[in-house]
Protein backbone atom coordinates (compact mmCIF):
# COMPACT_ATOMS: atom_id res chain seq x y z
CA UNK A 1 119.33 -28.51 153.75
CA UNK A 2 116.90 -26.66 151.92
CA UNK A 3 117.06 -22.91 150.99
CA UNK A 4 113.96 -20.90 152.23
CA UNK A 5 112.21 -19.14 149.57
CA UNK A 6 113.93 -21.02 146.56
CA UNK A 7 112.51 -23.55 144.10
CA UNK A 8 115.56 -24.71 141.98
CA UNK A 9 115.19 -27.10 139.13
CA UNK A 10 115.67 -30.77 139.71
CA UNK A 11 118.81 -32.66 139.10
CA UNK A 12 118.99 -35.97 141.46
CA UNK A 13 115.38 -36.36 142.14
CA UNK A 14 115.12 -40.34 141.83
CA UNK A 15 111.74 -40.23 140.04
CA UNK A 16 112.16 -37.09 137.69
CA UNK A 17 114.58 -36.47 135.03
CA UNK A 18 116.90 -33.52 135.14
CA UNK A 19 114.91 -30.15 134.60
CA UNK A 20 115.64 -27.15 132.35
CA UNK A 21 118.54 -25.01 133.69
CA UNK A 22 119.07 -27.89 136.69
CA UNK A 23 122.87 -28.50 135.92
CA UNK A 24 123.73 -24.76 135.71
CA UNK A 25 121.87 -24.03 138.94
CA UNK A 26 123.53 -26.69 140.58
CA UNK A 27 126.99 -25.32 139.20
CA UNK A 28 126.29 -21.88 140.23
CA UNK A 29 125.46 -23.01 143.80
CA UNK A 30 128.56 -25.18 143.84
CA UNK A 31 130.77 -22.17 142.71
CA UNK A 32 129.24 -19.92 145.05
CA UNK A 33 129.25 -21.81 148.33
CA UNK A 34 132.19 -24.62 148.21
CA UNK A 35 134.87 -23.96 150.55
CA UNK A 36 133.35 -20.79 151.80
CA UNK A 37 132.37 -19.58 155.37
CA UNK A 38 128.76 -18.79 155.48
CA UNK A 39 126.31 -17.45 158.07
CA UNK A 40 122.71 -19.24 158.34
CA UNK A 41 119.52 -17.59 159.54
CA UNK A 42 116.27 -19.49 160.15
CA UNK A 43 112.63 -18.66 160.51
CA UNK A 44 111.61 -19.01 164.26
CA UNK A 45 108.45 -21.19 163.57
CA UNK A 46 109.73 -23.77 161.37
CA UNK A 47 113.72 -24.66 161.09
CA UNK A 48 113.05 -28.33 159.72
CA UNK A 49 110.72 -29.58 156.80
CA UNK A 50 108.67 -32.61 156.58
CA UNK A 51 111.53 -34.51 154.97
CA UNK A 52 113.94 -33.77 157.78
CA UNK A 53 115.82 -30.88 155.92
CA UNK A 54 117.31 -28.15 157.86
CA UNK A 55 115.66 -24.82 156.32
CA UNK A 56 118.02 -21.79 156.18
CA UNK A 57 118.88 -18.51 154.60
CA UNK A 58 122.33 -18.50 153.52
CA UNK A 59 124.53 -15.20 153.52
CA UNK A 60 128.19 -15.25 152.27
CA UNK A 61 131.10 -13.60 154.25
CA UNK A 62 130.74 -10.44 151.83
CA UNK A 63 127.03 -10.05 153.01
CA UNK A 64 125.55 -11.31 149.63
CA UNK A 65 122.13 -13.08 150.35
CA UNK A 66 122.83 -16.28 148.55
CA UNK A 67 118.90 -17.40 148.67
CA UNK A 68 118.03 -14.11 146.95
CA UNK A 69 120.88 -14.13 144.78
CA UNK A 70 120.18 -17.67 143.05
CA UNK A 71 116.57 -16.31 142.17
CA UNK A 72 117.91 -12.73 141.11
CA UNK A 73 120.44 -14.63 138.63
CA UNK A 74 117.50 -16.77 137.32
CA UNK A 75 118.91 -20.29 138.54
CA UNK A 76 115.77 -20.64 140.59
CA UNK A 77 112.17 -19.44 141.19
CA UNK A 78 110.88 -17.69 144.40
CA UNK A 79 109.25 -20.31 146.25
CA UNK A 80 106.40 -17.98 147.64
CA UNK A 81 103.54 -20.68 148.61
CA UNK A 82 104.21 -20.47 152.19
CA UNK A 83 104.91 -16.81 153.83
CA UNK A 84 108.29 -15.98 154.81
CA UNK A 85 110.42 -12.87 156.11
CA UNK A 86 111.82 -12.08 152.73
CA UNK A 87 108.77 -12.82 150.35
CA UNK A 88 108.64 -9.33 148.72
CA UNK A 89 112.17 -9.06 148.11
CA UNK A 90 112.31 -12.59 146.34
CA UNK A 91 109.30 -11.75 144.23
CA UNK A 92 111.10 -8.64 143.17
CA UNK A 93 114.21 -10.72 142.45
CA UNK A 94 112.18 -13.39 140.58
CA UNK A 95 110.77 -10.32 138.72
CA UNK A 96 114.13 -8.57 137.72
CA UNK A 97 115.38 -11.90 136.16
CA UNK A 98 112.53 -12.58 134.47
CA UNK A 99 112.48 -9.23 132.79
CA UNK A 100 116.18 -9.36 131.90
CA UNK A 101 115.82 -13.14 130.40
CA UNK A 102 118.44 -14.50 132.68
CA UNK A 103 118.70 -18.45 133.40
CA UNK A 104 115.28 -19.99 133.59
CA UNK A 105 113.78 -16.97 132.14
CA UNK A 106 115.90 -16.89 128.83
CA UNK A 107 113.94 -15.66 125.90
CA UNK A 108 114.05 -18.57 123.62
CA UNK A 109 113.70 -18.32 119.85
CA UNK A 110 110.72 -20.19 118.16
CA UNK A 111 111.45 -23.94 117.45
CA UNK A 112 111.79 -24.31 113.49
CA UNK A 113 109.57 -27.14 112.35
CA UNK A 114 111.42 -30.25 111.82
CA UNK A 115 111.47 -32.30 108.60
CA UNK A 116 111.78 -35.34 110.95
CA UNK A 117 109.41 -35.28 113.57
CA UNK A 118 111.33 -36.78 116.21
CA UNK A 119 114.66 -34.40 116.09
CA UNK A 120 115.42 -32.06 118.83
CA UNK A 121 114.37 -32.34 122.48
CA UNK A 122 110.98 -33.49 123.89
CA UNK A 123 109.09 -31.53 126.01
CA UNK A 124 106.88 -32.94 128.72
CA UNK A 125 104.25 -31.01 130.89
CA UNK A 126 104.94 -31.85 134.46
CA UNK A 127 101.15 -31.11 135.41
CA UNK A 128 99.22 -33.01 132.55
CA UNK A 129 102.05 -35.88 132.00
CA UNK A 130 101.96 -35.16 128.17
CA UNK A 131 104.94 -34.55 126.08
CA UNK A 132 105.33 -32.83 122.54
CA UNK A 133 107.89 -33.59 119.86
CA UNK A 134 109.17 -30.82 117.52
CA UNK A 135 106.90 -30.03 114.73
CA UNK A 136 103.65 -30.69 116.82
CA UNK A 137 101.05 -27.88 117.14
CA UNK A 138 101.72 -27.08 120.72
CA UNK A 139 105.33 -27.68 120.91
CA UNK A 140 106.98 -25.20 123.01
CA UNK A 141 103.87 -23.84 124.50
CA UNK A 142 104.07 -25.64 127.73
CA UNK A 143 104.71 -23.13 130.51
CA UNK A 144 108.49 -22.99 131.53
CA UNK A 145 107.82 -23.96 135.40
CA UNK A 146 105.94 -26.91 134.02
CA UNK A 147 108.57 -28.26 131.29
CA UNK A 148 110.52 -31.53 131.80
CA UNK A 149 112.83 -32.33 128.69
CA UNK A 150 113.58 -35.84 127.46
CA UNK A 151 115.93 -36.85 124.80
CA UNK A 152 113.68 -39.62 123.27
CA UNK A 153 109.85 -40.28 123.20
CA UNK A 154 110.48 -43.75 124.82
CA UNK A 155 112.34 -41.88 127.57
CA UNK A 156 109.26 -39.78 128.20
CA UNK A 157 106.87 -42.84 128.14
CA UNK A 158 109.19 -44.92 130.66
CA UNK A 159 108.72 -41.49 132.84
CA UNK A 160 104.85 -41.94 132.81
CA UNK A 161 104.20 -39.40 130.05
CA UNK A 162 101.99 -39.95 127.27
CA UNK A 163 102.32 -38.41 123.72
CA UNK A 164 100.13 -35.54 122.71
CA UNK A 165 97.51 -36.35 120.14
CA UNK A 166 98.49 -33.39 117.97
């Protein structure tokens, strides 16, 4: 199943490493939904996506709109590429999470320059397929939505990324 209006970080994609805040988003979802009765709603024009997944809105017994809540809590971004019934509410929920610095939007302190160039996390840019190591000029400047984290440069290269030139 795919949650309508939700873009959560990847944790199990066979061709991508675990994304920033992915494990936390997965845990939040499991804790919120496991063993609970829910009500599903659908968009009338499209109920199955191109991958054969059911597209749904999830409402908990207490009335909590889970799709919106996961965005409001910062565990996912609003996926507004295609119009849907709650588009405006999701944009507002994301703005609230971002303003509050929740979850994906946590305000990070500037990374100190490391004495050893390979200490710390490696940050890859999903769009450019370039990775940066701590101490490089643009380390930490990759926008949060494009970040992919690696433990070693070798892991980044194996995933198809190349090292930044400076």
